Amino acid sequence: MDVRASTSPFSPNIADTLSDVNIFTAAGDSVFFKDLWDQNQGIAVVALLRHFGCPCSWELASALKEAKPKFDAAGVKLVAIGVGTPNKARILADRVCFFLFSCYLNVFSALVW
C-alpha cells in the first residue's frame, strides 16, 4: 500500500473549523466529527469509504484492518467514514472483520435511512 502524507498545511484550530460537522456511528447515533479523537493528544487518519457495499471500500477496509496495529503503535487513531446505512456499516464490519468502533457514516447517510 502506497502511503503518502498530505501536503496541506496542518491547521491548529481544526477542531474549531469542524466543530459543527455531524456524522453518525454505525449504531446510528449522532456525533460531532471533532469528538472522534482528542485533538490535543494525538492525530487521526480519516479514511473515506465510497460506499459500505462497494467492493473497493471492502478492499480498503481490509487493508486498513491489516495496518491497524501500525496505527495503534504510532498512537494514531484510525477512523473510516462511508456512505450507507448503519446496517450496511455493520455488515462491512462483520464480514471484513473491520473494527466497528472505527466506522462512521457521513452526514448524507442520514438521508438514506
PDB file of N, CA and C in Angstrom:
ATOM      1  N   MET A   1       0.859  -1.165   0.000  1.00  0.00           N
ATOM      2  CA  MET A   1       0.000   0.000   0.000  1.00  0.00           C
ATOM      3  C   MET A   1       0.902   1.224   0.000  1.00  0.00           C
ATOM      4  N   ASP A   2       0.695   2.135  -0.946  1.00  0.00           N
ATOM      5  CA  ASP A   2       1.465   3.364  -1.047  1.00  0.00           C
ATOM      6  C   ASP A   2       0.868   4.391  -0.101  1.00  0.00           C
ATOM      7  N   VAL A   3       1.657   4.820   0.873  1.00  0.00           N
ATOM      8  CA  VAL A   3       1.172   5.771   1.865  1.00  0.00           C
ATOM      9  C   VAL A   3       1.925   7.075   1.685  1.00  0.00           C
ATOM     10  N   ARG A   4       1.198   8.161   1.503  1.00  0.00           N
ATOM     11  CA  ARG A   4       1.812   9.473   1.323  1.00  0.00           C
ATOM     12  C   ARG A   4       1.146  10.474   2.254  1.00  0.00           C
ATOM     13  N   ALA A   5       1.926  11.360   2.763  1.00  0.00           N
ATOM     14  CA  ALA A   5       1.416  12.397   3.654  1.00  0.00           C
ATOM     15  C   ALA A   5       0.772  13.502   2.834  1.00  0.00           C
ATOM     16  N   SER A   6      -0.217  14.114   3.399  1.00  0.00           N
ATOM     17  CA  SER A   6      -0.860  15.249   2.766  1.00  0.00           C
ATOM     18  C   SER A   6       0.107  16.428   2.731  1.00  0.00           C
ATOM     19  N   THR A   7       0.050  17.192   1.652  1.00  0.00           N
ATOM     20  CA  THR A   7       0.885  18.385   1.565  1.00  0.00           C
ATOM     21  C   THR A   7       0.134  19.611   2.083  1.00  0.00           C
ATOM     22  N   SER A   8      -1.097  19.420   2.517  1.00  0.00           N
ATOM     23  CA  SER A   8      -1.869  20.520   3.065  1.00  0.00           C
ATOM     24  C   SER A   8      -1.297  20.915   4.414  1.00  0.00           C
ATOM     25  N   PRO A   9      -1.209  22.224   4.669  1.00  0.00           N
ATOM     26  CA  PRO A   9      -0.685  22.649   5.972  1.00  0.00           C
ATOM     27  C   PRO A   9      -1.662  22.269   7.085  1.00  0.00           C
ATOM     28  N   PHE A  10      -1.113  21.834   8.211  1.00  0.00           N
ATOM     29  CA  PHE A  10      -1.928  21.481   9.371  1.00  0.00           C
ATOM     30  C   PHE A  10      -2.465  22.754  10.002  1.00  0.00           C
ATOM     31  N   SER A  11      -3.717  22.758  10.315  1.00  0.00           N
ATOM     32  CA  SER A  11      -4.334  23.909  10.965  1.00  0.00           C
ATOM     33  C   SER A  11      -4.522  23.611  12.439  1.00  0.00           C
ATOM     34  N   PRO A  12      -3.873  24.379  13.324  1.00  0.00           N
ATOM     35  CA  PRO A  12      -4.008  24.110  14.757  1.00  0.00           C
ATOM     36  C   PRO A  12      -5.425  24.320  15.286  1.00  0.00           C
ATOM     37  N   ASN A  13      -6.255  25.032  14.544  1.00  0.00           N
ATOM     38  CA  ASN A  13      -7.625  25.263  15.004  1.00  0.00           C
ATOM     39  C   ASN A  13      -8.625  24.398  14.251  1.00  0.00           C
ATOM     40  N   ILE A  14      -8.186  23.218  13.848  1.00  0.00           N
ATOM     41  CA  ILE A  14      -9.052  22.341  13.069  1.00  0.00           C
ATOM     42  C   ILE A  14     -10.312  21.932  13.848  1.00  0.00           C
ATOM     43  N   ALA A  15     -10.197  21.777  15.159  1.00  0.00           N
ATOM     44  CA  ALA A  15     -11.368  21.423  15.964  1.00  0.00           C
ATOM     45  C   ALA A  15     -12.420  22.523  15.888  1.00  0.00           C
ATOM     46  N   ASP A  16     -11.981  23.776  15.869  1.00  0.00           N
ATOM     47  CA  ASP A  16     -12.926  24.888  15.722  1.00  0.00           C
ATOM     48  C   ASP A  16     -13.568  24.869  14.342  1.00  0.00           C
ATOM     49  N   THR A  17     -12.769  24.597  13.328  1.00  0.00           N
ATOM     50  CA  THR A  17     -13.263  24.565  11.957  1.00  0.00           C
ATOM     51  C   THR A  17     -14.317  23.477  11.778  1.00  0.00           C
ATOM     52  N   LEU A  18     -14.100  22.319  12.418  1.00  0.00           N
ATOM     53  CA  LEU A  18     -15.001  21.168  12.256  1.00  0.00           C
ATOM     54  C   LEU A  18     -16.013  21.022  13.393  1.00  0.00           C
ATOM     55  N   SER A  19     -16.116  22.031  14.238  1.00  0.00           N
ATOM     56  CA  SER A  19     -16.928  21.896  15.453  1.00  0.00           C
ATOM     57  C   SER A  19     -18.394  21.563  15.200  1.00  0.00           C
ATOM     58  N   ASP A  20     -18.940  21.972  14.073  1.00  0.00           N
ATOM     59  CA  ASP A  20     -20.365  21.703  13.840  1.00  0.00           C
ATOM     60  C   ASP A  20     -20.614  20.624  12.779  1.00  0.00           C
ATOM     61  N   VAL A  21     -19.577  19.912  12.353  1.00  0.00           N
ATOM     62  CA  VAL A  21     -19.761  18.819  11.393  1.00  0.00           C
ATOM     63  C   VAL A  21     -20.257  17.592  12.159  1.00  0.00           C
ATOM     64  N   ASN A  22     -21.391  17.084  11.727  1.00  0.00           N
ATOM     65  CA  ASN A  22     -22.060  15.992  12.411  1.00  0.00           C
ATOM     66  C   ASN A  22     -22.025  14.741  11.539  1.00  0.00           C
ATOM     67  N   ILE A  23     -21.646  13.603  12.122  1.00  0.00           N
ATOM     68  CA  ILE A  23     -21.700  12.318  11.434  1.00  0.00           C
ATOM     69  C   ILE A  23     -22.403  11.324  12.351  1.00  0.00           C
ATOM     70  N   PHE A  24     -22.450  10.065  11.951  1.00  0.00           N
ATOM     71  CA  PHE A  24     -23.194   9.069  12.716  1.00  0.00           C
ATOM     72  C   PHE A  24     -22.345   7.839  12.989  1.00  0.00           C
ATOM     73  N   THR A  25     -22.552   7.225  14.132  1.00  0.00           N
ATOM     74  CA  THR A  25     -21.890   5.966  14.443  1.00  0.00           C
ATOM     75  C   THR A  25     -22.586   4.858  13.662  1.00  0.00           C
ATOM     76  N   ALA A  26     -21.997   3.682  13.644  1.00  0.00           N
ATOM     77  CA  ALA A  26     -22.610   2.544  12.960  1.00  0.00           C
ATOM     78  C   ALA A  26     -23.905   2.112  13.638  1.00  0.00           C
ATOM     79  N   ALA A  27     -24.133   2.583  14.868  1.00  0.00           N
ATOM     80  CA  ALA A  27     -25.396   2.310  15.561  1.00  0.00           C
ATOM     81  C   ALA A  27     -26.453   3.357  15.219  1.00  0.00           C
ATOM     82  N   GLY A  28     -26.057   4.398  14.450  1.00  0.00           N
ATOM     83  CA  GLY A  28     -26.999   5.438  14.056  1.00  0.00           C
ATOM     84  C   GLY A  28     -27.032   6.634  14.987  1.00  0.00           C
ATOM     85  N   ASP A  29     -26.151   6.665  15.990  1.00  0.00           N
ATOM     86  CA  ASP A  29     -26.112   7.791  16.931  1.00  0.00           C
ATOM     87  C   ASP A  29     -25.328   8.956  16.332  1.00  0.00           C
ATOM     88  N   SER A  30     -25.813  10.156  16.533  1.00  0.00           N
ATOM     89  CA  SER A  30     -25.168  11.352  16.020  1.00  0.00           C
ATOM     90  C   SER A  30     -23.970  11.724  16.893  1.00  0.00           C
ATOM     91  N   VAL A  31     -22.848  12.068  16.258  1.00  0.00           N
ATOM     92  CA  VAL A  31     -21.641  12.526  16.963  1.00  0.00           C
ATOM     93  C   VAL A  31     -21.022  13.667  16.169  1.00  0.00           C
ATOM     94  N   PHE A  32     -20.283  14.520  16.866  1.00  0.00           N
ATOM     95  CA  PHE A  32     -19.541  15.565  16.183  1.00  0.00           C
ATOM     96  C   PHE A  32     -18.203  15.002  15.717  1.00  0.00           C
ATOM     97  N   PHE A  33     -17.816  15.345  14.500  1.00  0.00           N
ATOM     98  CA  PHE A  33     -16.558  14.872  13.932  1.00  0.00           C
ATOM     99  C   PHE A  33     -15.384  15.195  14.857  1.00  0.00           C
ATOM    100  N   LYS A  34     -15.393  16.380  15.444  1.00  0.00           N
ATOM    101  CA  LYS A  34     -14.294  16.815  16.307  1.00  0.00           C
ATOM    102  C   LYS A  34     -14.161  15.956  17.561  1.00  0.00           C
ATOM    103  N   ASP A  35     -15.200  15.199  17.910  1.00  0.00           N
ATOM    104  CA  ASP A  35     -15.166  14.372  19.117  1.00  0.00           C
ATOM    105  C   ASP A  35     -14.669  12.943  18.864  1.00  0.00           C
ATOM    106  N   LEU A  36     -14.269  12.626  17.644  1.00  0.00           N
ATOM    107  CA  LEU A  36     -13.830  11.272  17.329  1.00  0.00           C
ATOM    108  C   LEU A  36     -12.462  10.946  17.913  1.00  0.00           C
ATOM    109  N   TRP A  37     -11.650  11.975  18.178  1.00  0.00           N
ATOM    110  CA  TRP A  37     -10.354  11.763  18.826  1.00  0.00           C
ATOM    111  C   TRP A  37      -9.984  13.027  19.570  1.00  0.00           C
ATOM    112  N   ASP A  38      -9.132  12.902  20.548  1.00  0.00           N
ATOM    113  CA  ASP A  38      -8.689  14.035  21.359  1.00  0.00           C
ATOM    114  C   ASP A  38      -7.743  14.891  20.532  1.00  0.00           C
ATOM    115  N   GLN A  39      -8.186  16.070  20.164  1.00  0.00           N
ATOM    116  CA  GLN A  39      -7.417  16.967  19.306  1.00  0.00           C
ATOM    117  C   GLN A  39      -6.099  17.412  19.940  1.00  0.00           C
ATOM    118  N   ASN A  40      -6.007  17.337  21.259  1.00  0.00           N
ATOM    119  CA  ASN A  40      -4.806  17.799  21.961  1.00  0.00           C
ATOM    120  C   ASN A  40      -3.809  16.681  22.233  1.00  0.00           C
ATOM    121  N   GLN A  41      -4.215  15.428  22.043  1.00  0.00           N
ATOM    122  CA  GLN A  41      -3.348  14.325  22.423  1.00  0.00           C
ATOM    123  C   GLN A  41      -2.933  13.422  21.267  1.00  0.00           C
ATOM    124  N   GLY A  42      -3.263  13.759  20.091  1.00  0.00           N
ATOM    125  CA  GLY A  42      -2.852  12.883  19.002  1.00  0.00           C
ATOM    126  C   GLY A  42      -3.457  13.277  17.680  1.00  0.00           C
ATOM    127  N   ILE A  43      -3.183  12.452  16.705  1.00  0.00           N
ATOM    128  CA  ILE A  43      -3.699  12.695  15.367  1.00  0.00           C
ATOM    129  C   ILE A  43      -4.543  11.509  14.934  1.00  0.00           C
ATOM    130  N   ALA A  44      -5.241  11.702  13.835  1.00  0.00           N
ATOM    131  CA  ALA A  44      -6.074  10.630  13.301  1.00  0.00           C
ATOM    132  C   ALA A  44      -5.891  10.549  11.797  1.00  0.00           C
ATOM    133  N   VAL A  45      -6.062   9.363  11.278  1.00  0.00           N
ATOM    134  CA  VAL A  45      -6.153   9.154   9.843  1.00  0.00           C
ATOM    135  C   VAL A  45      -7.623   8.880   9.560  1.00  0.00           C
ATOM    136  N   VAL A  46      -8.205   9.674   8.685  1.00  0.00           N
ATOM    137  CA  VAL A  46      -9.608   9.512   8.334  1.00  0.00           C
ATOM    138  C   VAL A  46      -9.671   8.948   6.920  1.00  0.00           C
ATOM    139  N   ALA A  47     -10.089   7.700   6.810  1.00  0.00           N
ATOM    140  CA  ALA A  47     -10.224   7.039   5.513  1.00  0.00           C
ATOM    141  C   ALA A  47     -11.666   7.188   5.048  1.00  0.00           C
ATOM    142  N   LEU A  48     -11.824   7.614   3.824  1.00  0.00           N
ATOM    143  CA  LEU A  48     -13.162   7.797   3.266  1.00  0.00           C
ATOM    144  C   LEU A  48     -13.507   6.594   2.392  1.00  0.00           C
ATOM    145  N   LEU A  49     -14.539   5.881   2.792  1.00  0.00           N
ATOM    146  CA  LEU A  49     -15.017   4.720   2.041  1.00  0.00           C
ATOM    147  C   LEU A  49     -16.116   5.192   1.102  1.00  0.00           C
ATOM    148  N   ARG A  50     -16.059   4.784  -0.128  1.00  0.00           N
ATOM    149  CA  ARG A  50     -17.017   5.248  -1.126  1.00  0.00           C
ATOM    150  C   ARG A  50     -18.454   4.884  -0.744  1.00  0.00           C
ATOM    151  N   HIS A  51     -18.671   3.642  -0.439  1.00  0.00           N
ATOM    152  CA  HIS A  51     -19.992   3.151  -0.020  1.00  0.00           C
ATOM    153  C   HIS A  51     -19.753   1.833   0.687  1.00  0.00           C
ATOM    154  N   PHE A  52     -20.488   1.573   1.735  1.00  0.00           N
ATOM    155  CA  PHE A  52     -20.262   0.363   2.521  1.00  0.00           C
ATOM    156  C   PHE A  52     -20.483  -0.921   1.722  1.00  0.00           C
ATOM    157  N   GLY A  53     -21.251  -0.854   0.627  1.00  0.00           N
ATOM    158  CA  GLY A  53     -21.479  -2.036  -0.190  1.00  0.00           C
ATOM    159  C   GLY A  53     -20.515  -2.161  -1.362  1.00  0.00           C
ATOM    160  N   CYS A  54     -19.637  -1.210  -1.527  1.00  0.00           N
ATOM    161  CA  CYS A  54     -18.722  -1.159  -2.668  1.00  0.00           C
ATOM    162  C   CYS A  54     -17.525  -2.082  -2.467  1.00  0.00           C
ATOM    163  N   PRO A  55     -17.194  -2.921  -3.451  1.00  0.00           N
ATOM    164  CA  PRO A  55     -16.033  -3.806  -3.319  1.00  0.00           C
ATOM    165  C   PRO A  55     -14.728  -3.042  -3.057  1.00  0.00           C
ATOM    166  N   CYS A  56     -14.586  -1.857  -3.655  1.00  0.00           N
ATOM    167  CA  CYS A  56     -13.377  -1.054  -3.403  1.00  0.00           C
ATOM    168  C   CYS A  56     -13.292  -0.649  -1.937  1.00  0.00           C
ATOM    169  N   SER A  57     -14.416  -0.320  -1.345  1.00  0.00           N
ATOM    170  CA  SER A  57     -14.437   0.046   0.071  1.00  0.00           C
ATOM    171  C   SER A  57     -14.114  -1.161   0.951  1.00  0.00           C
ATOM    172  N   TRP A  58     -14.581  -2.324   0.553  1.00  0.00           N
ATOM    173  CA  TRP A  58     -14.273  -3.539   1.316  1.00  0.00           C
ATOM    174  C   TRP A  58     -12.774  -3.823   1.248  1.00  0.00           C
ATOM    175  N   GLU A  59     -12.186  -3.603   0.060  1.00  0.00           N
ATOM    176  CA  GLU A  59     -10.749  -3.823  -0.096  1.00  0.00           C
ATOM    177  C   GLU A  59      -9.959  -2.829   0.763  1.00  0.00           C
ATOM    178  N   LEU A  60     -10.371  -1.562   0.763  1.00  0.00           N
ATOM    179  CA  LEU A  60      -9.696  -0.563   1.589  1.00  0.00           C
ATOM    180  C   LEU A  60      -9.855  -0.902   3.067  1.00  0.00           C
ATOM    181  N   ALA A  61     -11.052  -1.296   3.482  1.00  0.00           N
ATOM    182  CA  ALA A  61     -11.282  -1.670   4.888  1.00  0.00           C
ATOM    183  C   ALA A  61     -10.386  -2.850   5.279  1.00  0.00           C
ATOM    184  N   SER A  62     -10.214  -3.803   4.372  1.00  0.00           N
ATOM    185  CA  SER A  62      -9.331  -4.947   4.652  1.00  0.00           C
ATOM    186  C   SER A  62      -7.887  -4.494   4.832  1.00  0.00           C
ATOM    187  N   ALA A  63      -7.429  -3.586   3.967  1.00  0.00           N
ATOM    188  CA  ALA A  63      -6.057  -3.078   4.072  1.00  0.00           C
ATOM    189  C   ALA A  63      -5.875  -2.278   5.363  1.00  0.00           C
ATOM    190  N   LEU A  64      -6.873  -1.498   5.738  1.00  0.00           N
ATOM    191  CA  LEU A  64      -6.795  -0.724   6.976  1.00  0.00           C
ATOM    192  C   LEU A  64      -6.774  -1.641   8.190  1.00  0.00           C
ATOM    193  N   LYS A  65      -7.562  -2.721   8.127  1.00  0.00           N
ATOM    194  CA  LYS A  65      -7.579  -3.687   9.229  1.00  0.00           C
ATOM    195  C   LYS A  65      -6.197  -4.293   9.415  1.00  0.00           C
ATOM    196  N   GLU A  66      -5.560  -4.641   8.320  1.00  0.00           N
ATOM    197  CA  GLU A  66      -4.218  -5.224   8.389  1.00  0.00           C
ATOM    198  C   GLU A  66      -3.192  -4.225   8.933  1.00  0.00           C
ATOM    199  N   ALA A  67      -3.372  -2.945   8.615  1.00  0.00           N
ATOM    200  CA  ALA A  67      -2.416  -1.915   9.037  1.00  0.00           C
ATOM    201  C   ALA A  67      -2.721  -1.347  10.424  1.00  0.00           C
ATOM    202  N   LYS A  68      -3.873  -1.686  10.994  1.00  0.00           N
ATOM    203  CA  LYS A  68      -4.283  -1.079  12.264  1.00  0.00           C
ATOM    204  C   LYS A  68      -3.248  -1.235  13.382  1.00  0.00           C
ATOM    205  N   PRO A  69      -2.571  -2.364  13.535  1.00  0.00           N
ATOM    206  CA  PRO A  69      -1.552  -2.452  14.588  1.00  0.00           C
ATOM    207  C   PRO A  69      -0.452  -1.390  14.447  1.00  0.00           C
ATOM    208  N   LYS A  70      -0.119  -1.034  13.215  1.00  0.00           N
ATOM    209  CA  LYS A  70       0.886   0.006  12.998  1.00  0.00           C
ATOM    210  C   LYS A  70       0.346   1.374  13.417  1.00  0.00           C
ATOM    211  N   PHE A  71      -0.918   1.638  13.102  1.00  0.00           N
ATOM    212  CA  PHE A  71      -1.536   2.894  13.532  1.00  0.00           C
ATOM    213  C   PHE A  71      -1.541   2.969  15.053  1.00  0.00           C
ATOM    214  N   ASP A  72      -1.953   1.864  15.684  1.00  0.00           N
ATOM    215  CA  ASP A  72      -2.004   1.820  17.150  1.00  0.00           C
ATOM    216  C   ASP A  72      -0.626   2.050  17.758  1.00  0.00           C
ATOM    217  N   ALA A  73       0.397   1.405  17.203  1.00  0.00           N
ATOM    218  CA  ALA A  73       1.760   1.541  17.727  1.00  0.00           C
ATOM    219  C   ALA A  73       2.264   2.974  17.601  1.00  0.00           C
ATOM    220  N   ALA A  74       1.794   3.672  16.575  1.00  0.00           N
ATOM    221  CA  ALA A  74       2.203   5.064  16.365  1.00  0.00           C
ATOM    222  C   ALA A  74       1.333   6.046  17.137  1.00  0.00           C
ATOM    223  N   GLY A  75       0.310   5.538  17.843  1.00  0.00           N
ATOM    224  CA  GLY A  75      -0.585   6.424  18.589  1.00  0.00           C
ATOM    225  C   GLY A  75      -1.535   7.212  17.703  1.00  0.00           C
ATOM    226  N   VAL A  76      -1.848   6.647  16.534  1.00  0.00           N
ATOM    227  CA  VAL A  76      -2.714   7.316  15.566  1.00  0.00           C
ATOM    228  C   VAL A  76      -4.082   6.645  15.572  1.00  0.00           C
ATOM    229  N   LYS A  77      -5.121   7.437  15.732  1.00  0.00           N
ATOM    230  CA  LYS A  77      -6.492   6.917  15.716  1.00  0.00           C
ATOM    231  C   LYS A  77      -6.917   6.702  14.273  1.00  0.00           C
ATOM    232  N   LEU A  78      -7.493   5.552  13.982  1.00  0.00           N
ATOM    233  CA  LEU A  78      -7.975   5.227  12.645  1.00  0.00           C
ATOM    234  C   LEU A  78      -9.487   5.378  12.612  1.00  0.00           C
ATOM    235  N   VAL A  79      -9.972   6.193  11.688  1.00  0.00           N
ATOM    236  CA  VAL A  79     -11.401   6.456  11.535  1.00  0.00           C
ATOM    237  C   VAL A  79     -11.770   6.194  10.084  1.00  0.00           C
ATOM    238  N   ALA A  80     -12.830   5.443   9.851  1.00  0.00           N
ATOM    239  CA  ALA A  80     -13.329   5.199   8.492  1.00  0.00           C
ATOM    240  C   ALA A  80     -14.729   5.787   8.385  1.00  0.00           C
ATOM    241  N   ILE A  81     -14.949   6.584   7.362  1.00  0.00           N
ATOM    242  CA  ILE A  81     -16.257   7.206   7.145  1.00  0.00           C
ATOM    243  C   ILE A  81     -16.745   6.789   5.772  1.00  0.00           C
ATOM    244  N   GLY A  82     -17.969   6.279   5.726  1.00  0.00           N
ATOM    245  CA  GLY A  82     -18.524   5.831   4.464  1.00  0.00           C
ATOM    246  C   GLY A  82     -19.957   6.272   4.278  1.00  0.00           C
ATOM    247  N   VAL A  83     -20.488   5.971   3.121  1.00  0.00           N
ATOM    248  CA  VAL A  83     -21.868   6.296   2.780  1.00  0.00           C
ATOM    249  C   VAL A  83     -22.686   5.025   2.882  1.00  0.00           C
ATOM    250  N   GLY A  84     -23.822   5.111   3.529  1.00  0.00           N
ATOM    251  CA  GLY A  84     -24.709   3.959   3.652  1.00  0.00           C
ATOM    252  C   GLY A  84     -25.443   3.980   4.973  1.00  0.00           C
ATOM    253  N   THR A  85     -26.188   2.951   5.194  1.00  0.00           N
ATOM    254  CA  THR A  85     -26.984   2.854   6.415  1.00  0.00           C
ATOM    255  C   THR A  85     -26.153   2.232   7.537  1.00  0.00           C
ATOM    256  N   PRO A  86     -26.577   2.416   8.790  1.00  0.00           N
ATOM    257  CA  PRO A  86     -25.877   1.745   9.893  1.00  0.00           C
ATOM    258  C   PRO A  86     -25.806   0.231   9.685  1.00  0.00           C
ATOM    259  N   ASN A  87     -26.863  -0.365   9.144  1.00  0.00           N
ATOM    260  CA  ASN A  87     -26.873  -1.803   8.903  1.00  0.00           C
ATOM    261  C   ASN A  87     -25.772  -2.208   7.920  1.00  0.00           C
ATOM    262  N   LYS A  88     -25.587  -1.432   6.856  1.00  0.00           N
ATOM    263  CA  LYS A  88     -24.545  -1.733   5.873  1.00  0.00           C
ATOM    264  C   LYS A  88     -23.153  -1.588   6.489  1.00  0.00           C
ATOM    265  N   ALA A  89     -22.981  -0.616   7.389  1.00  0.00           N
ATOM    266  CA  ALA A  89     -21.691  -0.455   8.076  1.00  0.00           C
ATOM    267  C   ALA A  89     -21.412  -1.677   8.945  1.00  0.00           C
ATOM    268  N   ARG A  90     -22.436  -2.184   9.623  1.00  0.00           N
ATOM    269  CA  ARG A  90     -22.260  -3.371  10.467  1.00  0.00           C
ATOM    270  C   ARG A  90     -21.947  -4.604   9.621  1.00  0.00           C
ATOM    271  N   ILE A  91     -22.562  -4.726   8.444  1.00  0.00           N
ATOM    272  CA  ILE A  91     -22.278  -5.855   7.553  1.00  0.00           C
ATOM    273  C   ILE A  91     -20.819  -5.818   7.114  1.00  0.00           C
ATOM    274  N   LEU A  92     -20.336  -4.631   6.714  1.00  0.00           N
ATOM    275  CA  LEU A  92     -18.935  -4.498   6.318  1.00  0.00           C
ATOM    276  C   LEU A  92     -18.030  -4.873   7.485  1.00  0.00           C
ATOM    277  N   ALA A  93     -18.332  -4.366   8.663  1.00  0.00           N
ATOM    278  CA  ALA A  93     -17.502  -4.641   9.843  1.00  0.00           C
ATOM    279  C   ALA A  93     -17.478  -6.137  10.158  1.00  0.00           C
ATOM    280  N   ASP A  94     -18.622  -6.790  10.058  1.00  0.00           N
ATOM    281  CA  ASP A  94     -18.695  -8.229  10.361  1.00  0.00           C
ATOM    282  C   ASP A  94     -17.954  -9.075   9.327  1.00  0.00           C
ATOM    283  N   ARG A  95     -18.182  -8.806   8.066  1.00  0.00           N
ATOM    284  CA  ARG A  95     -17.632  -9.659   7.008  1.00  0.00           C
ATOM    285  C   ARG A  95     -16.148  -9.425   6.750  1.00  0.00           C
ATOM    286  N   VAL A  96     -15.701  -8.203   6.955  1.00  0.00           N
ATOM    287  CA  VAL A  96     -14.284  -7.898   6.724  1.00  0.00           C
ATOM    288  C   VAL A  96     -13.519  -7.975   8.043  1.00  0.00           C
ATOM    289  N   CYS A  97     -14.252  -8.206   9.128  1.00  0.00           N
ATOM    290  CA  CYS A  97     -13.658  -8.187  10.468  1.00  0.00           C
ATOM    291  C   CYS A  97     -13.021  -6.835  10.738  1.00  0.00           C
ATOM    292  N   PHE A  98     -13.667  -5.781  10.230  1.00  0.00           N
ATOM    293  CA  PHE A  98     -13.200  -4.414  10.461  1.00  0.00           C
ATOM    294  C   PHE A  98     -13.713  -3.971  11.816  1.00  0.00           C
ATOM    295  N   PHE A  99     -13.096  -2.987  12.364  1.00  0.00           N
ATOM    296  CA  PHE A  99     -13.413  -2.520  13.709  1.00  0.00           C
ATOM    297  C   PHE A  99     -14.613  -1.588  13.668  1.00  0.00           C
ATOM    298  N   LEU A 100     -15.746  -2.066  14.133  1.00  0.00           N
ATOM    299  CA  LEU A 100     -16.984  -1.300  14.065  1.00  0.00           C
ATOM    300  C   LEU A 100     -16.867   0.029  14.798  1.00  0.00           C
ATOM    301  N   PHE A 101     -16.111   0.059  15.899  1.00  0.00           N
ATOM    302  CA  PHE A 101     -15.980   1.303  16.652  1.00  0.00           C
ATOM    303  C   PHE A 101     -15.189   2.356  15.874  1.00  0.00           C
ATOM    304  N   SER A 102     -14.557   1.980  14.779  1.00  0.00           N
ATOM    305  CA  SER A 102     -13.822   2.928  13.933  1.00  0.00           C
ATOM    306  C   SER A 102     -14.638   3.346  12.714  1.00  0.00           C
ATOM    307  N   CYS A 103     -15.832   2.826  12.576  1.00  0.00           N
ATOM    308  CA  CYS A 103     -16.631   3.008  11.376  1.00  0.00           C
ATOM    309  C   CYS A 103     -17.748   4.022  11.617  1.00  0.00           C
ATOM    310  N   TYR A 104     -17.806   5.039  10.766  1.00  0.00           N
ATOM    311  CA  TYR A 104     -18.805   6.095  10.899  1.00  0.00           C
ATOM    312  C   TYR A 104     -19.478   6.339   9.564  1.00  0.00           C
ATOM    313  N   LEU A 105     -20.644   6.995   9.610  1.00  0.00           N
ATOM    314  CA  LEU A 105     -21.410   7.321   8.419  1.00  0.00           C
ATOM    315  C   LEU A 105     -21.358   8.822   8.220  1.00  0.00           C
ATOM    316  N   ASN A 106     -21.272   9.248   6.957  1.00  0.00           N
ATOM    317  CA  ASN A 106     -21.242  10.691   6.736  1.00  0.00           C
ATOM    318  C   ASN A 106     -22.633  11.286   6.840  1.00  0.00           C
ATOM    319  N   VAL A 107     -22.702  12.597   6.806  1.00  0.00           N
ATOM    320  CA  VAL A 107     -23.963  13.304   7.012  1.00  0.00           C
ATOM    321  C   VAL A 107     -24.997  12.927   5.958  1.00  0.00           C
ATOM    322  N   PHE A 108     -24.586  12.608   4.739  1.00  0.00           N
ATOM    323  CA  PHE A 108     -25.535  12.251   3.685  1.00  0.00           C
ATOM    324  C   PHE A 108     -26.205  10.915   3.947  1.00  0.00           C
ATOM    325  N   SER A 109     -25.559  10.052   4.717  1.00  0.00           N
ATOM    326  CA  SER A 109     -26.130   8.746   5.019  1.00  0.00           C
ATOM    327  C   SER A 109     -27.415   8.868   5.822  1.00  0.00           C
ATOM    328  N   ALA A 110     -27.557   9.937   6.580  1.00  0.00           N
ATOM    329  CA  ALA A 110     -28.771  10.138   7.389  1.00  0.00           C
ATOM    330  C   ALA A 110     -29.987  10.256   6.485  1.00  0.00           C
ATOM    331  N   LEU A 111     -29.790  10.732   5.250  1.00  0.00           N
ATOM    332  CA  LEU A 111     -30.901  10.873   4.338  1.00  0.00           C
ATOM    333  C   LEU A 111     -31.370   9.535   3.783  1.00  0.00           C
ATOM    334  N   VAL A 112     -30.480   8.541   3.829  1.00  0.00           N
ATOM    335  CA  VAL A 112     -30.792   7.217   3.286  1.00  0.00           C
ATOM    336  C   VAL A 112     -31.677   6.421   4.230  1.00  0.00           C
ATOM    337  N   TRP A 113     -31.482   6.566   5.511  1.00  0.00           N
ATOM    338  CA  TRP A 113     -32.249   5.765   6.447  1.00  0.00           C
ATOM    339  C   TRP A 113     -33.086   6.649   7.263  1.00  0.00           C
TER     340      TRP A 113
END
